[in-house]
Amino acid sequence: MALPVPAGARETAGTQPRSLADMPCPPMPVVSPERMTLIVEPKPHITATPPASATDRANYMNWATVDPEGVCRYREENRALPPATDRRVIFLGDSITEAWKPSVPALFAGDVLDRGVSGETTTQMLARFRTDVIDLHPAVVHIMGGINDIHSPPGTALTRSNIESMVDLARAHGITVILGSVTPSSFFQGSPDMAPGPHIVWLNRWLRDYAAKNGLIYVDYHAALLDGKLGIRDGLSNDGLHPNRLGFEVMTPLARAAIARALGRRKERPS
């Protein structure tokens, strides 16, 4: 028996997106180059970040309304990609991953792709895992997220299941997984009453143990950036949360070593 059509649906059905490919996307990227420069270009010390401009805020809110999962961010770039090589690596994450490419562009040469989206939780990362990872046929995926889970109202209640689901999806499609630790932060500028440091330590401990139990590669960026007080070392971040270019330069050799291990594992697989 056919289900009843809600009032008004007949008039609008022809104009609704029927797939992700039909989705009307705002111009990308939404985070302006000027805003990204505030994150990546090193300052001598951690300081308060100026608030986003009214234009940046309006653009971001519009994007969050029409595309809450962030699938628009890389849609056109994904469409323009050549076929994957057997060395394609995708970095999936939030603003920390998104800021990595402008900080160290050499890391993303060849078939290494940055698919970070500012502000995303692991729930949103999981929602776009097919479009930004599986459909691009990588050999390796580097998953790094969770800091926005800590900052969002649900906290980390879903973080572990989201990570586990992304790992399950990757493995089901023959993709080798690297798990990156959450980078250190002892405070959020927009939420001064929050103390994320202990939450980050707890989440990283779980990520490390989960990787060990499941044969995944774990990269400890936290230890490399730590100031000894659960925060990021002064000079390696401008805002106390995001690594700046100098911070990413500390992280990059660790990422390169993990990628080499992951690709090496694939060569060792029996044919």
C-alpha atoms as a PDB file:
ATOM      1  CA  MET A   1       0.000   0.000   0.000  1.00  0.00           C
ATOM      2  CA  ALA A   2       1.358   3.407  -0.944  1.00  0.00           C
ATOM      3  CA  LEU A   3       2.136   5.798   1.871  1.00  0.00           C
ATOM      4  CA  PRO A   4       0.217   9.088   1.927  1.00  0.00           C
ATOM      5  CA  VAL A   5       2.097  12.099   0.537  1.00  0.00           C
ATOM      6  CA  PRO A   6       2.299  14.972   3.060  1.00  0.00           C
ATOM      7  CA  ALA A   7       0.587  18.205   2.151  1.00  0.00           C
ATOM      8  CA  GLY A   8       2.850  20.391   0.037  1.00  0.00           C
ATOM      9  CA  ALA A   9       5.222  17.561  -0.831  1.00  0.00           C
ATOM     10  CA  ARG A  10       3.800  17.231  -4.358  1.00  0.00           C
ATOM     11  CA  GLU A  11       4.669  20.843  -5.069  1.00  0.00           C
ATOM     12  CA  THR A  12       8.224  20.629  -3.754  1.00  0.00           C
ATOM     13  CA  ALA A  13       9.232  17.047  -4.581  1.00  0.00           C
ATOM     14  CA  GLY A  14      10.561  18.026  -8.006  1.00  0.00           C
ATOM     15  CA  THR A  15      12.938  20.606  -6.546  1.00  0.00           C
ATOM     16  CA  GLN A  16      14.392  18.579  -3.656  1.00  0.00           C
ATOM     17  CA  PRO A  17      17.891  17.112  -3.982  1.00  0.00           C
ATOM     18  CA  ARG A  18      17.606  13.418  -4.739  1.00  0.00           C
ATOM     19  CA  SER A  19      21.270  12.559  -4.084  1.00  0.00           C
ATOM     20  CA  LEU A  20      24.442  14.156  -2.755  1.00  0.00           C
ATOM     21  CA  ALA A  21      25.378  14.985  -6.342  1.00  0.00           C
ATOM     22  CA  ASP A  22      22.220  17.118  -6.680  1.00  0.00           C
ATOM     23  CA  MET A  23      22.729  18.962  -3.414  1.00  0.00           C
ATOM     24  CA  PRO A  24      22.997  22.764  -3.831  1.00  0.00           C
ATOM     25  CA  CYS A  25      26.336  23.705  -2.279  1.00  0.00           C
ATOM     26  CA  PRO A  26      27.558  27.162  -1.278  1.00  0.00           C
ATOM     27  CA  PRO A  27      30.933  28.303  -2.666  1.00  0.00           C
ATOM     28  CA  MET A  28      33.864  26.504  -1.043  1.00  0.00           C
ATOM     29  CA  PRO A  29      35.917  26.833   1.053  1.00  0.00           C
ATOM     30  CA  VAL A  30      33.899  28.754   3.612  1.00  0.00           C
ATOM     31  CA  VAL A  31      36.841  29.408   5.965  1.00  0.00           C
ATOM     32  CA  SER A  32      38.508  32.454   4.423  1.00  0.00           C
ATOM     33  CA  PRO A  33      42.247  32.536   3.633  1.00  0.00           C
ATOM     34  CA  GLU A  34      42.603  35.393   6.099  1.00  0.00           C
ATOM     35  CA  ARG A  35      41.087  33.295   8.877  1.00  0.00           C
ATOM     36  CA  MET A  36      43.290  30.339   8.020  1.00  0.00           C
ATOM     37  CA  THR A  37      46.362  32.589   8.148  1.00  0.00           C
ATOM     38  CA  LEU A  38      45.519  33.468  11.767  1.00  0.00           C
ATOM     39  CA  ILE A  39      45.780  29.752  12.573  1.00  0.00           C
ATOM     40  CA  VAL A  40      48.822  28.658  10.600  1.00  0.00           C
ATOM     41  CA  GLU A  41      51.300  31.550  10.502  1.00  0.00           C
ATOM     42  CA  PRO A  42      53.315  31.286  13.744  1.00  0.00           C
ATOM     43  CA  LYS A  43      53.169  33.869  16.498  1.00  0.00           C
ATOM     44  CA  PRO A  44      55.700  34.014  19.356  1.00  0.00           C
ATOM     45  CA  HIS A  45      53.112  33.168  21.999  1.00  0.00           C
ATOM     46  CA  ILE A  46      49.552  31.902  22.381  1.00  0.00           C
ATOM     47  CA  THR A  47      47.168  34.858  22.235  1.00  0.00           C
ATOM     48  CA  ALA A  48      43.443  35.504  21.961  1.00  0.00           C
ATOM     49  CA  THR A  49      42.236  34.979  18.391  1.00  0.00           C
ATOM     50  CA  PRO A  50      40.204  37.879  16.938  1.00  0.00           C
ATOM     51  CA  PRO A  51      36.556  36.982  16.375  1.00  0.00           C
ATOM     52  CA  ALA A  52      35.529  35.939  12.894  1.00  0.00           C
ATOM     53  CA  SER A  53      34.217  38.684  10.647  1.00  0.00           C
ATOM     54  CA  ALA A  54      30.486  39.114  10.174  1.00  0.00           C
ATOM     55  CA  THR A  55      30.866  37.829   6.599  1.00  0.00           C
ATOM     56  CA  ASP A  56      32.746  34.721   7.719  1.00  0.00           C
ATOM     57  CA  ARG A  57      30.155  34.009  10.429  1.00  0.00           C
ATOM     58  CA  ALA A  58      27.243  34.451   8.006  1.00  0.00           C
ATOM     59  CA  ASN A  59      28.875  32.207   5.384  1.00  0.00           C
ATOM     60  CA  TYR A  60      29.625  29.527   7.955  1.00  0.00           C
ATOM     61  CA  MET A  61      26.108  29.568   9.396  1.00  0.00           C
ATOM     62  CA  ASN A  62      24.616  29.280   5.918  1.00  0.00           C
ATOM     63  CA  TRP A  63      26.870  26.327   5.139  1.00  0.00           C
ATOM     64  CA  ALA A  64      26.032  24.654   8.473  1.00  0.00           C
ATOM     65  CA  THR A  65      22.330  25.004   7.645  1.00  0.00           C
ATOM     66  CA  VAL A  66      22.364  23.609   4.112  1.00  0.00           C
ATOM     67  CA  ASP A  67      25.188  21.078   4.609  1.00  0.00           C
ATOM     68  CA  PRO A  68      25.534  20.078   8.280  1.00  0.00           C
ATOM     69  CA  GLU A  69      27.705  17.026   7.454  1.00  0.00           C
ATOM     70  CA  GLY A  70      30.195  18.985   5.341  1.00  0.00           C
ATOM     71  CA  VAL A  71      29.873  16.906   2.171  1.00  0.00           C
ATOM     72  CA  CYS A  72      30.005  20.053   0.055  1.00  0.00           C
ATOM     73  CA  ARG A  73      33.510  21.004   1.181  1.00  0.00           C
ATOM     74  CA  TYR A  74      35.386  18.715  -1.200  1.00  0.00           C
ATOM     75  CA  ARG A  75      32.679  17.721  -3.680  1.00  0.00           C
ATOM     76  CA  GLU A  76      34.162  19.559  -6.647  1.00  0.00           C
ATOM     77  CA  GLU A  77      37.731  18.532  -5.763  1.00  0.00           C
ATOM     78  CA  ASN A  78      36.609  14.916  -5.529  1.00  0.00           C
ATOM     79  CA  ARG A  79      34.952  15.096  -8.932  1.00  0.00           C
ATOM     80  CA  ALA A  80      38.152  16.418 -10.496  1.00  0.00           C
ATOM     81  CA  LEU A  81      40.441  13.706  -9.101  1.00  0.00           C
ATOM     82  CA  PRO A  82      42.204  11.307 -11.453  1.00  0.00           C
ATOM     83  CA  PRO A  83      41.889   7.579 -10.763  1.00  0.00           C
ATOM     84  CA  ALA A  84      43.501   6.551  -7.487  1.00  0.00           C
ATOM     85  CA  THR A  85      47.040   5.209  -7.428  1.00  0.00           C
ATOM     86  CA  ASP A  86      47.997   2.349  -5.140  1.00  0.00           C
ATOM     87  CA  ARG A  87      49.577   4.960  -2.840  1.00  0.00           C
ATOM     88  CA  ARG A  88      46.584   7.239  -2.327  1.00  0.00           C
ATOM     89  CA  VAL A  89      46.334   8.437   1.287  1.00  0.00           C
ATOM     90  CA  ILE A  90      43.433  10.455   2.690  1.00  0.00           C
ATOM     91  CA  PHE A  91      43.639  12.545   5.859  1.00  0.00           C
ATOM     92  CA  LEU A  92      40.132  12.740   7.345  1.00  0.00           C
ATOM     93  CA  GLY A  93      39.497  15.104  10.232  1.00  0.00           C
ATOM     94  CA  ASP A  94      38.412  18.497  11.512  1.00  0.00           C
ATOM     95  CA  SER A  95      39.980  21.981  11.403  1.00  0.00           C
ATOM     96  CA  ILE A  96      43.328  20.644  12.605  1.00  0.00           C
ATOM     97  CA  THR A  97      43.499  18.387   9.561  1.00  0.00           C
ATOM     98  CA  GLU A  98      42.159  21.122   7.284  1.00  0.00           C
ATOM     99  CA  ALA A  99      44.873  23.527   8.456  1.00  0.00           C
ATOM    100  CA  TRP A 100      47.625  20.945   7.882  1.00  0.00           C
ATOM    101  CA  LYS A 101      47.728  21.350   4.092  1.00  0.00           C
ATOM    102  CA  PRO A 102      48.272  25.134   3.993  1.00  0.00           C
ATOM    103  CA  SER A 103      50.850  24.704   6.773  1.00  0.00           C
ATOM    104  CA  VAL A 104      52.880  21.903   5.152  1.00  0.00           C
ATOM    105  CA  PRO A 105      51.755  21.636   1.515  1.00  0.00           C
ATOM    106  CA  ALA A 106      54.636  19.274   0.668  1.00  0.00           C
ATOM    107  CA  LEU A 107      52.977  16.530   2.737  1.00  0.00           C
ATOM    108  CA  PHE A 108      49.977  16.611   0.416  1.00  0.00           C
ATOM    109  CA  ALA A 109      51.910  16.241  -2.827  1.00  0.00           C
ATOM    110  CA  GLY A 110      51.194  13.396  -5.192  1.00  0.00           C
ATOM    111  CA  ASP A 111      48.243  11.284  -4.156  1.00  0.00           C
ATOM    112  CA  VAL A 112      47.966  12.413  -0.526  1.00  0.00           C
ATOM    113  CA  LEU A 113      44.661  14.240   0.010  1.00  0.00           C
ATOM    114  CA  ASP A 114      43.489  16.507   2.829  1.00  0.00           C
ATOM    115  CA  ARG A 115      39.826  16.036   3.718  1.00  0.00           C
ATOM    116  CA  GLY A 116      39.592  18.005   6.949  1.00  0.00           C
ATOM    117  CA  VAL A 117      36.506  20.119   7.656  1.00  0.00           C
ATOM    118  CA  SER A 118      36.576  22.858  10.282  1.00  0.00           C
ATOM    119  CA  GLY A 119      34.340  22.392  13.293  1.00  0.00           C
ATOM    120  CA  GLU A 120      33.440  18.771  12.633  1.00  0.00           C
ATOM    121  CA  THR A 121      32.746  16.110  15.215  1.00  0.00           C
ATOM    122  CA  THR A 122      33.443  12.434  14.590  1.00  0.00           C
ATOM    123  CA  THR A 123      29.702  12.002  13.933  1.00  0.00           C
ATOM    124  CA  GLN A 124      29.992  14.354  10.959  1.00  0.00           C
ATOM    125  CA  MET A 125      33.219  12.685   9.840  1.00  0.00           C
ATOM    126  CA  LEU A 126      31.439   9.346   9.830  1.00  0.00           C
ATOM    127  CA  ALA A 127      28.565  10.829   7.804  1.00  0.00           C
ATOM    128  CA  ARG A 128      30.908  11.820   4.974  1.00  0.00           C
ATOM    129  CA  PHE A 129      33.206   8.799   5.217  1.00  0.00           C
ATOM    130  CA  ARG A 130      31.801   7.337   2.012  1.00  0.00           C
ATOM    131  CA  THR A 131      32.009  10.482  -0.118  1.00  0.00           C
ATOM    132  CA  ASP A 132      35.411  11.660   1.127  1.00  0.00           C
ATOM    133  CA  VAL A 133      37.114   8.312   1.716  1.00  0.00           C
ATOM    134  CA  ILE A 134      35.522   5.126   0.338  1.00  0.00           C
ATOM    135  CA  ASP A 135      34.440   6.587  -3.011  1.00  0.00           C
ATOM    136  CA  LEU A 136      37.979   7.914  -3.595  1.00  0.00           C
ATOM    137  CA  HIS A 137      39.516   4.416  -3.310  1.00  0.00           C
ATOM    138  CA  PRO A 138      42.529   5.173  -1.123  1.00  0.00           C
ATOM    139  CA  ALA A 139      45.098   2.644   0.046  1.00  0.00           C
ATOM    140  CA  VAL A 140      45.351   4.339   3.441  1.00  0.00           C
ATOM    141  CA  VAL A 141      43.147   6.599   5.572  1.00  0.00           C
ATOM    142  CA  HIS A 142      44.509   8.737   8.402  1.00  0.00           C
ATOM    143  CA  ILE A 143      41.662   9.426  10.868  1.00  0.00           C
ATOM    144  CA  MET A 144      42.133  12.188  13.427  1.00  0.00           C
ATOM    145  CA  GLY A 145      39.196  13.696  15.286  1.00  0.00           C
ATOM    146  CA  GLY A 146      37.492  14.077  18.630  1.00  0.00           C
ATOM    147  CA  ILE A 147      38.430  17.528  19.907  1.00  0.00           C
ATOM    148  CA  ASN A 148      35.085  18.955  18.759  1.00  0.00           C
ATOM    149  CA  ASP A 149      33.270  16.021  20.369  1.00  0.00           C
ATOM    150  CA  ILE A 150      34.713  17.155  23.688  1.00  0.00           C
ATOM    151  CA  HIS A 151      33.539  20.698  23.005  1.00  0.00           C
ATOM    152  CA  SER A 152      30.026  19.767  21.832  1.00  0.00           C
ATOM    153  CA  PRO A 153      27.060  19.115  24.163  1.00  0.00           C
ATOM    154  CA  PRO A 154      27.027  15.294  23.815  1.00  0.00           C
ATOM    155  CA  GLY A 155      30.719  15.168  24.704  1.00  0.00           C
ATOM    156  CA  THR A 156      32.520  11.961  23.771  1.00  0.00           C
ATOM    157  CA  ALA A 157      29.477   9.696  24.216  1.00  0.00           C
ATOM    158  CA  LEU A 158      29.578   8.687  20.533  1.00  0.00           C
ATOM    159  CA  THR A 159      33.262   9.196  19.767  1.00  0.00           C
ATOM    160  CA  ARG A 160      34.365   5.616  20.275  1.00  0.00           C
ATOM    161  CA  SER A 161      31.491   4.115  18.282  1.00  0.00           C
ATOM    162  CA  ASN A 162      32.080   6.639  15.473  1.00  0.00           C
ATOM    163  CA  ILE A 163      35.771   5.756  15.294  1.00  0.00           C
ATOM    164  CA  GLU A 164      34.976   2.042  15.394  1.00  0.00           C
ATOM    165  CA  SER A 165      32.428   2.456  12.596  1.00  0.00           C
ATOM    166  CA  MET A 166      34.916   4.340  10.405  1.00  0.00           C
ATOM    167  CA  VAL A 167      37.524   1.635  10.998  1.00  0.00           C
ATOM    168  CA  ASP A 168      35.002  -1.096  10.160  1.00  0.00           C
ATOM    169  CA  LEU A 169      34.041   0.682   6.939  1.00  0.00           C
ATOM    170  CA  ALA A 170      37.663   1.185   5.942  1.00  0.00           C
ATOM    171  CA  ARG A 171      38.569  -2.436   6.552  1.00  0.00           C
ATOM    172  CA  ALA A 172      35.521  -3.672   4.681  1.00  0.00           C
ATOM    173  CA  HIS A 173      36.845  -1.790   1.647  1.00  0.00           C
ATOM    174  CA  GLY A 174      40.455  -2.911   2.010  1.00  0.00           C
ATOM    175  CA  ILE A 175      41.735   0.441   3.306  1.00  0.00           C
ATOM    176  CA  THR A 176      44.607   0.452   5.812  1.00  0.00           C
ATOM    177  CA  VAL A 177      43.882   2.625   8.871  1.00  0.00           C
ATOM    178  CA  ILE A 178      46.087   5.093  10.732  1.00  0.00           C
ATOM    179  CA  LEU A 179      44.618   6.618  13.905  1.00  0.00           C
ATOM    180  CA  GLY A 180      46.056   9.977  14.895  1.00  0.00           C
ATOM    181  CA  SER A 181      45.883  11.116  18.497  1.00  0.00           C
ATOM    182  CA  VAL A 182      44.018  14.259  19.466  1.00  0.00           C
ATOM    183  CA  THR A 183      46.525  17.093  19.785  1.00  0.00           C
ATOM    184  CA  PRO A 184      46.912  18.702  23.238  1.00  0.00           C
ATOM    185  CA  SER A 185      44.898  21.653  24.503  1.00  0.00           C
ATOM    186  CA  SER A 186      44.368  22.814  28.069  1.00  0.00           C
ATOM    187  CA  PHE A 187      41.621  25.355  27.297  1.00  0.00           C
ATOM    188  CA  PHE A 188      39.107  26.497  24.676  1.00  0.00           C
ATOM    189  CA  GLN A 189      39.159  30.239  24.014  1.00  0.00           C
ATOM    190  CA  GLY A 190      35.410  30.343  23.463  1.00  0.00           C
ATOM    191  CA  SER A 191      34.652  28.239  26.574  1.00  0.00           C
ATOM    192  CA  PRO A 192      37.054  29.320  29.322  1.00  0.00           C
ATOM    193  CA  ASP A 193      35.310  27.178  31.968  1.00  0.00           C
ATOM    194  CA  MET A 194      36.084  23.955  30.096  1.00  0.00           C
ATOM    195  CA  ALA A 195      39.273  21.985  30.774  1.00  0.00           C
ATOM    196  CA  PRO A 196      39.726  19.669  27.776  1.00  0.00           C
ATOM    197  CA  GLY A 197      43.173  18.378  28.748  1.00  0.00           C
ATOM    198  CA  PRO A 198      42.085  15.363  30.849  1.00  0.00           C
ATOM    199  CA  HIS A 199      39.391  14.417  28.315  1.00  0.00           C
ATOM    200  CA  ILE A 200      42.002  14.429  25.548  1.00  0.00           C
ATOM    201  CA  VAL A 201      44.327  12.209  27.597  1.00  0.00           C
ATOM    202  CA  TRP A 202      41.487   9.746  28.221  1.00  0.00           C
ATOM    203  CA  LEU A 203      40.456   9.661  24.557  1.00  0.00           C
ATOM    204  CA  ASN A 204      44.032   9.200  23.370  1.00  0.00           C
ATOM    205  CA  ARG A 205      44.541   6.332  25.795  1.00  0.00           C
ATOM    206  CA  TRP A 206      41.486   4.631  24.337  1.00  0.00           C
ATOM    207  CA  LEU A 207      42.662   5.295  20.751  1.00  0.00           C
ATOM    208  CA  ARG A 208      46.095   3.836  21.529  1.00  0.00           C
ATOM    209  CA  ASP A 209      44.661   0.713  23.154  1.00  0.00           C
ATOM    210  CA  TYR A 210      42.022   0.232  20.454  1.00  0.00           C
ATOM    211  CA  ALA A 211      44.687   0.513  17.739  1.00  0.00           C
ATOM    212  CA  ALA A 212      46.902  -2.020  19.519  1.00  0.00           C
ATOM    213  CA  LYS A 213      44.071  -4.530  19.945  1.00  0.00           C
ATOM    214  CA  ASN A 214      42.981  -4.241  16.341  1.00  0.00           C
ATOM    215  CA  GLY A 215      46.302  -4.098  14.536  1.00  0.00           C
ATOM    216  CA  LEU A 216      45.993  -0.440  13.524  1.00  0.00           C
ATOM    217  CA  ILE A 217      48.754   2.148  13.308  1.00  0.00           C
ATOM    218  CA  TYR A 218      48.561   4.796  16.050  1.00  0.00           C
ATOM    219  CA  VAL A 219      50.424   8.112  15.856  1.00  0.00           C
ATOM    220  CA  ASP A 220      51.074   9.993  19.099  1.00  0.00           C
ATOM    221  CA  TYR A 221      51.044  13.656  18.097  1.00  0.00           C
ATOM    222  CA  HIS A 222      49.975  14.543  21.633  1.00  0.00           C
ATOM    223  CA  ALA A 223      53.308  13.621  23.201  1.00  0.00           C
ATOM    224  CA  ALA A 224      55.246  15.469  20.495  1.00  0.00           C
ATOM    225  CA  LEU A 225      53.402  18.749  21.120  1.00  0.00           C
ATOM    226  CA  LEU A 226      52.735  18.557  24.865  1.00  0.00           C
ATOM    227  CA  ASP A 227      53.879  21.357  27.188  1.00  0.00           C
ATOM    228  CA  GLY A 228      53.847  19.191  30.335  1.00  0.00           C
ATOM    229  CA  LYS A 229      50.616  20.787  31.598  1.00  0.00           C
ATOM    230  CA  LEU A 230      48.176  19.036  29.235  1.00  0.00           C
ATOM    231  CA  GLY A 231      48.416  21.959  26.798  1.00  0.00           C
ATOM    232  CA  ILE A 232      50.248  22.568  23.548  1.00  0.00           C
ATOM    233  CA  ARG A 233      53.729  24.044  23.763  1.00  0.00           C
ATOM    234  CA  ASP A 234      53.969  27.804  23.434  1.00  0.00           C
ATOM    235  CA  GLY A 235      55.146  28.724  19.956  1.00  0.00           C
ATOM    236  CA  LEU A 236      53.567  25.651  18.340  1.00  0.00           C
ATOM    237  CA  SER A 237      50.036  27.114  18.413  1.00  0.00           C
ATOM    238  CA  ASN A 238      48.614  30.614  18.084  1.00  0.00           C
ATOM    239  CA  ASP A 239      45.385  29.948  19.967  1.00  0.00           C
ATOM    240  CA  GLY A 240      46.197  27.053  22.309  1.00  0.00           C
ATOM    241  CA  LEU A 241      44.141  24.595  20.261  1.00  0.00           C
ATOM    242  CA  HIS A 242      45.242  24.425  16.632  1.00  0.00           C
ATOM    243  CA  PRO A 243      48.864  23.689  15.802  1.00  0.00           C
ATOM    244  CA  ASN A 244      50.416  26.440  13.702  1.00  0.00           C
ATOM    245  CA  ARG A 245      52.908  25.817  10.912  1.00  0.00           C
ATOM    246  CA  LEU A 246      55.703  25.075  13.397  1.00  0.00           C
ATOM    247  CA  GLY A 247      53.429  22.638  15.219  1.00  0.00           C
ATOM    248  CA  PHE A 248      52.538  20.870  11.989  1.00  0.00           C
ATOM    249  CA  GLU A 249      56.226  20.660  11.112  1.00  0.00           C
ATOM    250  CA  VAL A 250      56.687  18.676  14.334  1.00  0.00           C
ATOM    251  CA  MET A 251      53.774  16.404  13.430  1.00  0.00           C
ATOM    252  CA  THR A 252      54.654  15.826   9.772  1.00  0.00           C
ATOM    253  CA  PRO A 253      57.619  13.427  10.200  1.00  0.00           C
ATOM    254  CA  LEU A 254      55.431  11.279  12.462  1.00  0.00           C
ATOM    255  CA  ALA A 255      52.701  11.231   9.821  1.00  0.00           C
ATOM    256  CA  ARG A 256      55.182  10.373   7.057  1.00  0.00           C
ATOM    257  CA  ALA A 257      56.563   7.473   9.110  1.00  0.00           C
ATOM    258  CA  ALA A 258      53.039   6.156   9.745  1.00  0.00           C
ATOM    259  CA  ILE A 259      52.189   6.355   6.038  1.00  0.00           C
ATOM    260  CA  ALA A 260      55.368   4.464   5.168  1.00  0.00           C
ATOM    261  CA  ARG A 261      54.420   1.755   7.679  1.00  0.00           C
ATOM    262  CA  ALA A 262      50.892   1.522   6.304  1.00  0.00           C
ATOM    263  CA  LEU A 263      52.012   1.250   2.687  1.00  0.00           C
ATOM    264  CA  GLY A 264      54.670  -1.253   3.725  1.00  0.00           C
ATOM    265  CA  ARG A 265      52.029  -3.425   5.341  1.00  0.00           C
ATOM    266  CA  ARG A 266      50.057  -3.468   2.125  1.00  0.00           C
ATOM    267  CA  LYS A 267      53.090  -4.738   0.196  1.00  0.00           C
ATOM    268  CA  GLU A 268      53.446  -7.559   2.697  1.00  0.00           C
ATOM    269  CA  ARG A 269      49.887  -8.789   2.132  1.00  0.00           C
ATOM    270  CA  PRO A 270      49.663 -12.100   0.313  1.00  0.00           C
ATOM    271  CA  SER A 271      48.401 -11.666  -3.219  1.00  0.00           C
END
